[in-house]
């Protein structure tokens, strides 16, 4: 679907996605921190399972749990933050610019 300027009906429209980019970045950091926190809290389980592999397994189990938890949390937080930012860009912020007449507008609800 091509955007159209509500003032001059031109199809030369630029879209700025500042809120989506900021939301994705903030969500990634927050999700990764939450994922690492949850993984470290559950590090006992990783250490116990790693203990089956011997004495080196305990720190490796805990470390791998923290890394995987951080990655999973970061991906989830990024996706959620990007969706929230896209909704803000689309309906709240006037992030569409008509390149013909210079009118800034947001999409109708």
PDB file of N, CA and C in Angstrom:
ATOM      1  N   UNK A   1       0.837  -1.173   0.000  1.00  0.00           N
ATOM      2  CA  UNK A   1       0.000   0.000   0.000  1.00  0.00           C
ATOM      3  C   UNK A   1       0.885   1.240   0.000  1.00  0.00           C
ATOM      4  N   UNK A   2       0.666   2.101  -0.923  1.00  0.00           N
ATOM      5  CA  UNK A   2       1.431   3.326  -1.044  1.00  0.00           C
ATOM      6  C   UNK A   2       0.735   4.446  -0.269  1.00  0.00           C
ATOM      7  N   UNK A   3       1.520   5.222   0.468  1.00  0.00           N
ATOM      8  CA  UNK A   3       0.950   6.342   1.204  1.00  0.00           C
ATOM      9  C   UNK A   3       0.628   7.478   0.259  1.00  0.00           C
ATOM     10  N   UNK A   4      -0.379   8.245   0.650  1.00  0.00           N
ATOM     11  CA  UNK A   4      -0.791   9.381  -0.153  1.00  0.00           C
ATOM     12  C   UNK A   4      -0.965  10.576   0.772  1.00  0.00           C
ATOM     13  N   UNK A   5      -0.452  11.720   0.367  1.00  0.00           N
ATOM     14  CA  UNK A   5      -0.556  12.939   1.149  1.00  0.00           C
ATOM     15  C   UNK A   5      -2.022  13.368   1.237  1.00  0.00           C
ATOM     16  N   UNK A   6      -2.528  13.654   2.442  1.00  0.00           N
ATOM     17  CA  UNK A   6      -3.923  14.077   2.552  1.00  0.00           C
ATOM     18  C   UNK A   6      -4.171  15.497   2.037  1.00  0.00           C
ATOM     19  N   UNK A   7      -3.117  16.278   1.889  1.00  0.00           N
ATOM     20  CA  UNK A   7      -3.289  17.657   1.437  1.00  0.00           C
ATOM     21  C   UNK A   7      -3.249  17.749  -0.094  1.00  0.00           C
ATOM     22  N   UNK A   8      -2.189  17.224  -0.727  1.00  0.00           N
ATOM     23  CA  UNK A   8      -2.046  17.387  -2.185  1.00  0.00           C
ATOM     24  C   UNK A   8      -2.239  16.081  -2.946  1.00  0.00           C
ATOM     25  N   UNK A   9      -2.456  14.982  -2.245  1.00  0.00           N
ATOM     26  CA  UNK A   9      -2.706  13.653  -2.813  1.00  0.00           C
ATOM     27  C   UNK A   9      -1.526  13.107  -3.622  1.00  0.00           C
ATOM     28  N   UNK A  10      -0.339  13.589  -3.327  1.00  0.00           N
ATOM     29  CA  UNK A  10       0.860  13.082  -3.968  1.00  0.00           C
ATOM     30  C   UNK A  10       1.240  11.742  -3.334  1.00  0.00           C
ATOM     31  N   UNK A  11       1.863  10.877  -4.112  1.00  0.00           N
ATOM     32  CA  UNK A  11       2.325   9.590  -3.588  1.00  0.00           C
ATOM     33  C   UNK A  11       3.812   9.626  -3.239  1.00  0.00           C
ATOM     34  N   UNK A  12       4.449  10.781  -3.360  1.00  0.00           N
ATOM     35  CA  UNK A  12       5.856  10.943  -2.986  1.00  0.00           C
ATOM     36  C   UNK A  12       5.926  11.269  -1.497  1.00  0.00           C
ATOM     37  N   UNK A  13       5.925  10.245  -0.668  1.00  0.00           N
ATOM     38  CA  UNK A  13       5.882  10.405   0.777  1.00  0.00           C
ATOM     39  C   UNK A  13       7.055   9.662   1.406  1.00  0.00           C
ATOM     40  N   UNK A  14       7.749  10.339   2.292  1.00  0.00           N
ATOM     41  CA  UNK A  14       8.843   9.720   3.043  1.00  0.00           C
ATOM     42  C   UNK A  14       8.336   9.378   4.440  1.00  0.00           C
ATOM     43  N   UNK A  15       8.717   8.213   4.927  1.00  0.00           N
ATOM     44  CA  UNK A  15       8.314   7.764   6.264  1.00  0.00           C
ATOM     45  C   UNK A  15       9.544   7.732   7.170  1.00  0.00           C
ATOM     46  N   UNK A  16       9.424   8.330   8.331  1.00  0.00           N
ATOM     47  CA  UNK A  16      10.501   8.312   9.315  1.00  0.00           C
ATOM     48  C   UNK A  16      10.085   7.363  10.429  1.00  0.00           C
ATOM     49  N   UNK A  17      10.976   6.522  10.855  1.00  0.00           N
ATOM     50  CA  UNK A  17      10.650   5.509  11.861  1.00  0.00           C
ATOM     51  C   UNK A  17      11.492   5.710  13.114  1.00  0.00           C
ATOM     52  N   UNK A  18      11.502   6.919  13.657  1.00  0.00           N
ATOM     53  CA  UNK A  18      12.339   7.184  14.824  1.00  0.00           C
ATOM     54  C   UNK A  18      11.869   6.403  16.051  1.00  0.00           C
ATOM     55  N   UNK A  19      10.571   6.368  16.303  1.00  0.00           N
ATOM     56  CA  UNK A  19      10.072   5.672  17.492  1.00  0.00           C
ATOM     57  C   UNK A  19      10.292   4.171  17.372  1.00  0.00           C
ATOM     58  N   UNK A  20      10.172   3.628  16.174  1.00  0.00           N
ATOM     59  CA  UNK A  20      10.391   2.196  15.998  1.00  0.00           C
ATOM     60  C   UNK A  20      11.849   1.850  16.278  1.00  0.00           C
ATOM     61  N   UNK A  21      12.772   2.661  15.797  1.00  0.00           N
ATOM     62  CA  UNK A  21      14.195   2.407  16.026  1.00  0.00           C
ATOM     63  C   UNK A  21      14.540   2.545  17.507  1.00  0.00           C
ATOM     64  N   UNK A  22      14.019   3.586  18.141  1.00  0.00           N
ATOM     65  CA  UNK A  22      14.300   3.789  19.569  1.00  0.00           C
ATOM     66  C   UNK A  22      13.657   2.686  20.400  1.00  0.00           C
ATOM     67  N   UNK A  23      12.428   2.319  20.069  1.00  0.00           N
ATOM     68  CA  UNK A  23      11.754   1.248  20.802  1.00  0.00           C
ATOM     69  C   UNK A  23      12.477  -0.073  20.669  1.00  0.00           C
ATOM     70  N   UNK A  24      12.971  -0.371  19.482  1.00  0.00           N
ATOM     71  CA  UNK A  24      13.709  -1.615  19.275  1.00  0.00           C
ATOM     72  C   UNK A  24      15.009  -1.620  20.082  1.00  0.00           C
ATOM     73  N   UNK A  25      15.711  -0.497  20.106  1.00  0.00           N
ATOM     74  CA  UNK A  25      16.973  -0.426  20.859  1.00  0.00           C
ATOM     75  C   UNK A  25      16.726  -0.552  22.360  1.00  0.00           C
ATOM     76  N   UNK A  26      15.739   0.167  22.868  1.00  0.00           N
ATOM     77  CA  UNK A  26      15.435   0.104  24.298  1.00  0.00           C
ATOM     78  C   UNK A  26      14.925  -1.283  24.672  1.00  0.00           C
ATOM     79  N   UNK A  27      14.077  -1.858  23.822  1.00  0.00           N
ATOM     80  CA  UNK A  27      13.565  -3.198  24.085  1.00  0.00           C
ATOM     81  C   UNK A  27      14.657  -4.250  24.073  1.00  0.00           C
ATOM     82  N   UNK A  28      15.622  -4.100  23.193  1.00  0.00           N
ATOM     83  CA  UNK A  28      16.724  -5.056  23.136  1.00  0.00           C
ATOM     84  C   UNK A  28      17.548  -5.020  24.420  1.00  0.00           C
ATOM     85  N   UNK A  29      17.881  -3.832  24.872  1.00  0.00           N
ATOM     86  CA  UNK A  29      18.679  -3.705  26.096  1.00  0.00           C
ATOM     87  C   UNK A  29      17.893  -4.227  27.301  1.00  0.00           C
ATOM     88  N   UNK A  30      16.632  -3.818  27.399  1.00  0.00           N
ATOM     89  CA  UNK A  30      15.816  -4.265  28.526  1.00  0.00           C
ATOM     90  C   UNK A  30      15.570  -5.761  28.505  1.00  0.00           C
ATOM     91  N   UNK A  31      15.272  -6.300  27.333  1.00  0.00           N
ATOM     92  CA  UNK A  31      15.036  -7.731  27.224  1.00  0.00           C
ATOM     93  C   UNK A  31      16.276  -8.549  27.516  1.00  0.00           C
ATOM     94  N   UNK A  32      17.421  -8.079  27.047  1.00  0.00           N
ATOM     95  CA  UNK A  32      18.670  -8.797  27.317  1.00  0.00           C
ATOM     96  C   UNK A  32      18.998  -8.772  28.809  1.00  0.00           C
ATOM     97  N   UNK A  33      18.795  -7.629  29.449  1.00  0.00           N
ATOM     98  CA  UNK A  33      19.059  -7.536  30.892  1.00  0.00           C
ATOM     99  C   UNK A  33      18.119  -8.458  31.660  1.00  0.00           C
ATOM    100  N   UNK A  34      16.864  -8.486  31.264  1.00  0.00           N
ATOM    101  CA  UNK A  34      15.898  -9.359  31.933  1.00  0.00           C
ATOM    102  C   UNK A  34      16.240 -10.827  31.676  1.00  0.00           C
ATOM    103  N   UNK A  35      16.637 -11.151  30.467  1.00  0.00           N
ATOM    104  CA  UNK A  35      16.998 -12.519  30.145  1.00  0.00           C
ATOM    105  C   UNK A  35      18.213 -12.997  30.916  1.00  0.00           C
ATOM    106  N   UNK A  36      19.230 -12.158  31.024  1.00  0.00           N
ATOM    107  CA  UNK A  36      20.433 -12.520  31.781  1.00  0.00           C
ATOM    108  C   UNK A  36      20.093 -12.649  33.262  1.00  0.00           C
ATOM    109  N   UNK A  37      19.266 -11.730  33.768  1.00  0.00           N
ATOM    110  CA  UNK A  37      18.868 -11.792  35.172  1.00  0.00           C
ATOM    111  C   UNK A  37      18.134 -13.093  35.481  1.00  0.00           C
ATOM    112  N   UNK A  38      17.199 -13.455  34.617  1.00  0.00           N
ATOM    113  CA  UNK A  38      16.455 -14.699  34.823  1.00  0.00           C
ATOM    114  C   UNK A  38      17.371 -15.908  34.691  1.00  0.00           C
ATOM    115  N   UNK A  39      18.303 -15.846  33.759  1.00  0.00           N
ATOM    116  CA  UNK A  39      19.214 -16.974  33.564  1.00  0.00           C
ATOM    117  C   UNK A  39      20.164 -17.128  34.748  1.00  0.00           C
ATOM    118  N   UNK A  40      20.631 -16.011  35.299  1.00  0.00           N
ATOM    119  CA  UNK A  40      21.512 -16.096  36.459  1.00  0.00           C
ATOM    120  C   UNK A  40      20.749 -16.574  37.694  1.00  0.00           C
ATOM    121  N   UNK A  41      19.476 -16.165  37.798  1.00  0.00           N
ATOM    122  CA  UNK A  41      18.667 -16.651  38.906  1.00  0.00           C
ATOM    123  C   UNK A  41      18.444 -18.154  38.780  1.00  0.00           C
ATOM    124  N   UNK A  42      18.336 -18.627  37.555  1.00  0.00           N
ATOM    125  CA  UNK A  42      18.189 -20.057  37.329  1.00  0.00           C
ATOM    126  C   UNK A  42      19.515 -20.752  37.107  1.00  0.00           C
ATOM    127  N   UNK A  43      20.600 -20.097  37.466  1.00  0.00           N
ATOM    128  CA  UNK A  43      21.934 -20.667  37.281  1.00  0.00           C
ATOM    129  C   UNK A  43      22.181 -21.913  38.102  1.00  0.00           C
ATOM    130  N   UNK A  44      21.419 -22.072  39.177  1.00  0.00           N
ATOM    131  CA  UNK A  44      21.562 -23.276  39.986  1.00  0.00           C
ATOM    132  C   UNK A  44      21.213 -24.506  39.158  1.00  0.00           C
ATOM    133  N   UNK A  45      20.144 -24.380  38.381  1.00  0.00           N
ATOM    134  CA  UNK A  45      19.735 -25.521  37.548  1.00  0.00           C
ATOM    135  C   UNK A  45      20.797 -25.815  36.503  1.00  0.00           C
ATOM    136  N   UNK A  46      21.314 -24.771  35.863  1.00  0.00           N
ATOM    137  CA  UNK A  46      22.370 -24.969  34.866  1.00  0.00           C
ATOM    138  C   UNK A  46      23.628 -25.554  35.480  1.00  0.00           C
ATOM    139  N   UNK A  47      23.948 -25.093  36.679  1.00  0.00           N
ATOM    140  CA  UNK A  47      25.118 -25.630  37.370  1.00  0.00           C
ATOM    141  C   UNK A  47      24.917 -27.079  37.782  1.00  0.00           C
ATOM    142  N   UNK A  48      23.693 -27.399  38.208  1.00  0.00           N
ATOM    143  CA  UNK A  48      23.414 -28.778  38.621  1.00  0.00           C
ATOM    144  C   UNK A  48      23.469 -29.730  37.431  1.00  0.00           C
ATOM    145  N   UNK A  49      22.928 -29.284  36.307  1.00  0.00           N
ATOM    146  CA  UNK A  49      22.980 -30.120  35.103  1.00  0.00           C
ATOM    147  C   UNK A  49      24.414 -30.216  34.606  1.00  0.00           C
ATOM    148  N   UNK A  50      25.156 -29.103  34.683  1.00  0.00           N
ATOM    149  CA  UNK A  50      26.550 -29.098  34.258  1.00  0.00           C
ATOM    150  C   UNK A  50      27.434 -29.933  35.160  1.00  0.00           C
ATOM    151  N   UNK A  51      27.009 -30.125  36.405  1.00  0.00           N
ATOM    152  CA  UNK A  51      27.805 -30.922  37.337  1.00  0.00           C
ATOM    153  C   UNK A  51      27.901 -32.369  36.882  1.00  0.00           C
ATOM    154  N   UNK A  52      26.944 -32.789  36.086  1.00  0.00           N
ATOM    155  CA  UNK A  52      26.991 -34.148  35.556  1.00  0.00           C
ATOM    156  C   UNK A  52      28.182 -34.332  34.627  1.00  0.00           C
ATOM    157  N   UNK A  53      28.641 -33.232  34.034  1.00  0.00           N
ATOM    158  CA  UNK A  53      29.770 -33.298  33.108  1.00  0.00           C
ATOM    159  C   UNK A  53      31.110 -33.199  33.836  1.00  0.00           C
ATOM    160  N   UNK A  54      31.082 -32.984  35.124  1.00  0.00           N
ATOM    161  CA  UNK A  54      32.330 -32.888  35.868  1.00  0.00           C
ATOM    162  C   UNK A  54      32.501 -31.510  36.463  1.00  0.00           C
ATOM    163  N   UNK A  55      33.650 -31.216  37.069  1.00  0.00           N
ATOM    164  CA  UNK A  55      33.843 -29.943  37.759  1.00  0.00           C
ATOM    165  C   UNK A  55      33.833 -28.733  36.824  1.00  0.00           C
ATOM    166  N   UNK A  56      34.226 -28.890  35.595  1.00  0.00           N
ATOM    167  CA  UNK A  56      34.223 -27.758  34.653  1.00  0.00           C
ATOM    168  C   UNK A  56      32.809 -27.461  34.151  1.00  0.00           C
ATOM    169  N   UNK A  57      31.910 -28.419  34.322  1.00  0.00           N
ATOM    170  CA  UNK A  57      30.546 -28.263  33.816  1.00  0.00           C
ATOM    171  C   UNK A  57      29.722 -27.241  34.568  1.00  0.00           C
ATOM    172  N   UNK A  58      29.992 -27.017  35.848  1.00  0.00           N
ATOM    173  CA  UNK A  58      29.195 -26.082  36.653  1.00  0.00           C
ATOM    174  C   UNK A  58      29.326 -24.646  36.134  1.00  0.00           C
ATOM    175  N   UNK A  59      30.539 -24.088  36.004  1.00  0.00           N
ATOM    176  CA  UNK A  59      30.617 -22.718  35.482  1.00  0.00           C
ATOM    177  C   UNK A  59      30.191 -22.625  34.020  1.00  0.00           C
ATOM    178  N   UNK A  60      30.478 -23.658  33.236  1.00  0.00           N
ATOM    179  CA  UNK A  60      30.061 -23.619  31.828  1.00  0.00           C
ATOM    180  C   UNK A  60      28.543 -23.658  31.697  1.00  0.00           C
ATOM    181  N   UNK A  61      27.879 -24.453  32.532  1.00  0.00           N
ATOM    182  CA  UNK A  61      26.421 -24.505  32.509  1.00  0.00           C
ATOM    183  C   UNK A  61      25.800 -23.179  32.898  1.00  0.00           C
ATOM    184  N   UNK A  62      26.352 -22.546  33.921  1.00  0.00           N
ATOM    185  CA  UNK A  62      25.848 -21.249  34.367  1.00  0.00           C
ATOM    186  C   UNK A  62      26.093 -20.171  33.313  1.00  0.00           C
ATOM    187  N   UNK A  63      27.290 -20.142  32.750  1.00  0.00           N
ATOM    188  CA  UNK A  63      27.634 -19.144  31.746  1.00  0.00           C
ATOM    189  C   UNK A  63      26.809 -19.304  30.481  1.00  0.00           C
ATOM    190  N   UNK A  64      26.667 -20.530  30.002  1.00  0.00           N
ATOM    191  CA  UNK A  64      25.881 -20.737  28.779  1.00  0.00           C
ATOM    192  C   UNK A  64      24.415 -20.399  29.011  1.00  0.00           C
ATOM    193  N   UNK A  65      23.905 -20.663  30.207  1.00  0.00           N
ATOM    194  CA  UNK A  65      22.524 -20.279  30.522  1.00  0.00           C
ATOM    195  C   UNK A  65      22.343 -18.773  30.496  1.00  0.00           C
ATOM    196  N   UNK A  66      23.314 -18.035  31.021  1.00  0.00           N
ATOM    197  CA  UNK A  66      23.226 -16.569  31.015  1.00  0.00           C
ATOM    198  C   UNK A  66      23.298 -16.014  29.599  1.00  0.00           C
ATOM    199  N   UNK A  67      24.178 -16.575  28.775  1.00  0.00           N
ATOM    200  CA  UNK A  67      24.312 -16.091  27.394  1.00  0.00           C
ATOM    201  C   UNK A  67      23.039 -16.374  26.603  1.00  0.00           C
ATOM    202  N   UNK A  68      22.544 -17.593  26.695  1.00  0.00           N
ATOM    203  CA  UNK A  68      21.327 -17.938  25.956  1.00  0.00           C
ATOM    204  C   UNK A  68      20.118 -17.156  26.460  1.00  0.00           C
ATOM    205  N   UNK A  69      20.035 -16.944  27.770  1.00  0.00           N
ATOM    206  CA  UNK A  69      18.946 -16.143  28.322  1.00  0.00           C
ATOM    207  C   UNK A  69      19.007 -14.702  27.841  1.00  0.00           C
ATOM    208  N   UNK A  70      20.213 -14.145  27.781  1.00  0.00           N
ATOM    209  CA  UNK A  70      20.371 -12.773  27.290  1.00  0.00           C
ATOM    210  C   UNK A  70      19.995 -12.639  25.831  1.00  0.00           C
ATOM    211  N   UNK A  71      20.391 -13.608  25.022  1.00  0.00           N
ATOM    212  CA  UNK A  71      20.033 -13.569  23.601  1.00  0.00           C
ATOM    213  C   UNK A  71      18.533 -13.695  23.405  1.00  0.00           C
ATOM    214  N   UNK A  72      17.917 -14.648  24.090  1.00  0.00           N
ATOM    215  CA  UNK A  72      16.472 -14.839  23.945  1.00  0.00           C
ATOM    216  C   UNK A  72      15.706 -13.616  24.438  1.00  0.00           C
ATOM    217  N   UNK A  73      16.114 -13.066  25.565  1.00  0.00           N
ATOM    218  CA  UNK A  73      15.457 -11.866  26.075  1.00  0.00           C
ATOM    219  C   UNK A  73      15.653 -10.673  25.165  1.00  0.00           C
ATOM    220  N   UNK A  74      16.842 -10.530  24.595  1.00  0.00           N
ATOM    221  CA  UNK A  74      17.111  -9.413  23.685  1.00  0.00           C
ATOM    222  C   UNK A  74      16.267  -9.469  22.436  1.00  0.00           C
ATOM    223  N   UNK A  75      16.108 -10.653  21.871  1.00  0.00           N
ATOM    224  CA  UNK A  75      15.285 -10.802  20.663  1.00  0.00           C
ATOM    225  C   UNK A  75      13.833 -10.481  20.971  1.00  0.00           C
ATOM    226  N   UNK A  76      13.328 -11.015  22.077  1.00  0.00           N
ATOM    227  CA  UNK A  76      11.940 -10.737  22.460  1.00  0.00           C
ATOM    228  C   UNK A  76      11.705  -9.273  22.755  1.00  0.00           C
ATOM    229  N   UNK A  77      12.623  -8.654  23.475  1.00  0.00           N
ATOM    230  CA  UNK A  77      12.494  -7.237  23.787  1.00  0.00           C
ATOM    231  C   UNK A  77      12.579  -6.360  22.553  1.00  0.00           C
ATOM    232  N   UNK A  78      13.433  -6.726  21.619  1.00  0.00           N
ATOM    233  CA  UNK A  78      13.561  -5.971  20.370  1.00  0.00           C
ATOM    234  C   UNK A  78      12.262  -6.028  19.574  1.00  0.00           C
ATOM    235  N   UNK A  79      11.682  -7.211  19.463  1.00  0.00           N
ATOM    236  CA  UNK A  79      10.438  -7.361  18.699  1.00  0.00           C
ATOM    237  C   UNK A  79       9.305  -6.573  19.347  1.00  0.00           C
ATOM    238  N   UNK A  80       9.184  -6.660  20.657  1.00  0.00           N
ATOM    239  CA  UNK A  80       8.121  -5.939  21.357  1.00  0.00           C
ATOM    240  C   UNK A  80       8.326  -4.427  21.265  1.00  0.00           C
ATOM    241  N   UNK A  81       9.560  -3.965  21.454  1.00  0.00           N
ATOM    242  CA  UNK A  81       9.846  -2.534  21.354  1.00  0.00           C
ATOM    243  C   UNK A  81       9.616  -1.990  19.959  1.00  0.00           C
ATOM    244  N   UNK A  82       9.953  -2.773  18.936  1.00  0.00           N
ATOM    245  CA  UNK A  82       9.735  -2.337  17.557  1.00  0.00           C
ATOM    246  C   UNK A  82       8.251  -2.237  17.253  1.00  0.00           C
ATOM    247  N   UNK A  83       7.440  -3.164  17.754  1.00  0.00           N
ATOM    248  CA  UNK A  83       5.994  -3.100  17.522  1.00  0.00           C
ATOM    249  C   UNK A  83       5.385  -1.885  18.198  1.00  0.00           C
ATOM    250  N   UNK A  84       5.806  -1.615  19.421  1.00  0.00           N
ATOM    251  CA  UNK A  84       5.298  -0.436  20.121  1.00  0.00           C
ATOM    252  C   UNK A  84       5.721   0.838  19.404  1.00  0.00           C
ATOM    253  N   UNK A  85       6.978   0.901  18.992  1.00  0.00           N
ATOM    254  CA  UNK A  85       7.466   2.072  18.268  1.00  0.00           C
ATOM    255  C   UNK A  85       6.765   2.267  16.938  1.00  0.00           C
ATOM    256  N   UNK A  86       6.465   1.170  16.245  1.00  0.00           N
ATOM    257  CA  UNK A  86       5.754   1.282  14.970  1.00  0.00           C
ATOM    258  C   UNK A  86       4.347   1.828  15.179  1.00  0.00           C
ATOM    259  N   UNK A  87       3.679   1.416  16.238  1.00  0.00           N
ATOM    260  CA  UNK A  87       2.353   1.955  16.541  1.00  0.00           C
ATOM    261  C   UNK A  87       2.429   3.447  16.849  1.00  0.00           C
ATOM    262  N   UNK A  88       3.449   3.852  17.593  1.00  0.00           N
ATOM    263  CA  UNK A  88       3.625   5.279  17.865  1.00  0.00           C
ATOM    264  C   UNK A  88       3.894   6.049  16.583  1.00  0.00           C
ATOM    265  N   UNK A  89       4.775   5.520  15.734  1.00  0.00           N
ATOM    266  CA  UNK A  89       5.078   6.185  14.463  1.00  0.00           C
ATOM    267  C   UNK A  89       3.828   6.309  13.600  1.00  0.00           C
ATOM    268  N   UNK A  90       3.048   5.255  13.560  1.00  0.00           N
ATOM    269  CA  UNK A  90       1.915   5.197  12.639  1.00  0.00           C
ATOM    270  C   UNK A  90       0.769   6.095  13.066  1.00  0.00           C
ATOM    271  N   UNK A  91       0.481   6.148  14.383  1.00  0.00           N
ATOM    272  CA  UNK A  91      -0.753   6.797  14.805  1.00  0.00           C
ATOM    273  C   UNK A  91      -0.583   8.036  15.676  1.00  0.00           C
ATOM    274  N   UNK A  92       0.565   8.218  16.287  1.00  0.00           N
ATOM    275  CA  UNK A  92       0.712   9.332  17.222  1.00  0.00           C
ATOM    276  C   UNK A  92       1.620  10.423  16.654  1.00  0.00           C
ATOM    277  N   UNK A  93       2.805  10.039  16.210  1.00  0.00           N
ATOM    278  CA  UNK A  93       3.771  11.019  15.728  1.00  0.00           C
ATOM    279  C   UNK A  93       3.541  11.323  14.251  1.00  0.00           C
ATOM    280  N   UNK A  94       3.734  12.556  13.878  1.00  0.00           N
ATOM    281  CA  UNK A  94       3.595  12.948  12.473  1.00  0.00           C
ATOM    282  C   UNK A  94       4.908  12.642  11.756  1.00  0.00           C
ATOM    283  N   UNK A  95       5.122  11.374  11.441  1.00  0.00           N
ATOM    284  CA  UNK A  95       6.398  10.932  10.879  1.00  0.00           C
ATOM    285  C   UNK A  95       6.347  10.656   9.387  1.00  0.00           C
ATOM    286  N   UNK A  96       5.331  11.128   8.721  1.00  0.00           N
ATOM    287  CA  UNK A  96       5.256  10.997   7.268  1.00  0.00           C
ATOM    288  C   UNK A  96       5.380  12.393   6.673  1.00  0.00           C
ATOM    289  N   UNK A  97       6.213  12.532   5.685  1.00  0.00           N
ATOM    290  CA  UNK A  97       6.475  13.833   5.077  1.00  0.00           C
ATOM    291  C   UNK A  97       6.213  13.757   3.584  1.00  0.00           C
ATOM    292  N   UNK A  98       5.352  14.631   3.105  1.00  0.00           N
ATOM    293  CA  UNK A  98       5.106  14.711   1.664  1.00  0.00           C
ATOM    294  C   UNK A  98       6.283  15.442   1.028  1.00  0.00           C
ATOM    295  N   UNK A  99       6.902  14.802   0.058  1.00  0.00           N
ATOM    296  CA  UNK A  99       8.062  15.398  -0.609  1.00  0.00           C
ATOM    297  C   UNK A  99       7.662  16.443  -1.635  1.00  0.00           C
ATOM    298  N   UNK A 100       6.369  16.525  -1.951  1.00  0.00           N
ATOM    299  CA  UNK A 100       5.891  17.507  -2.916  1.00  0.00           C
ATOM    300  C   UNK A 100       5.534  18.825  -2.247  1.00  0.00           C
ATOM    301  N   UNK A 101       4.684  18.767  -1.200  1.00  0.00           N
ATOM    302  CA  UNK A 101       4.216  20.007  -0.578  1.00  0.00           C
ATOM    303  C   UNK A 101       4.814  20.265   0.805  1.00  0.00           C
ATOM    304  N   UNK A 102       5.525  19.293   1.387  1.00  0.00           N
ATOM    305  CA  UNK A 102       6.160  19.478   2.682  1.00  0.00           C
ATOM    306  C   UNK A 102       5.241  19.266   3.875  1.00  0.00           C
ATOM    307  N   UNK A 103       4.039  18.745   3.659  1.00  0.00           N
ATOM    308  CA  UNK A 103       3.078  18.510   4.735  1.00  0.00           C
ATOM    309  C   UNK A 103       3.489  17.283   5.547  1.00  0.00           C
ATOM    310  N   UNK A 104       3.482  17.421   6.902  1.00  0.00           N
ATOM    311  CA  UNK A 104       3.775  16.290   7.790  1.00  0.00           C
ATOM    312  C   UNK A 104       2.450  15.761   8.313  1.00  0.00           C
ATOM    313  N   UNK A 105       2.305  14.447   8.345  1.00  0.00           N
ATOM    314  CA  UNK A 105       1.039  13.867   8.789  1.00  0.00           C
ATOM    315  C   UNK A 105       1.277  12.471   9.354  1.00  0.00           C
ATOM    316  N   UNK A 106       0.288  11.986  10.088  1.00  0.00           N
ATOM    317  CA  UNK A 106       0.300  10.606  10.553  1.00  0.00           C
ATOM    318  C   UNK A 106      -0.844   9.865   9.855  1.00  0.00           C
ATOM    319  N   UNK A 107      -0.845   8.576   9.999  1.00  0.00           N
ATOM    320  CA  UNK A 107      -1.875   7.781   9.339  1.00  0.00           C
ATOM    321  C   UNK A 107      -3.160   7.828  10.138  1.00  0.00           C
ATOM    322  N   UNK A 108      -4.301   7.774   9.472  1.00  0.00           N
ATOM    323  CA  UNK A 108      -5.564   7.741  10.220  1.00  0.00           C
ATOM    324  C   UNK A 108      -5.694   6.422  10.972  1.00  0.00           C
ATOM    325  N   UNK A 109      -6.452   6.434  12.056  1.00  0.00           N
ATOM    326  CA  UNK A 109      -6.618   5.228  12.883  1.00  0.00           C
ATOM    327  C   UNK A 109      -7.296   4.110  12.149  1.00  0.00           C
TER     328      UNK A 109
END
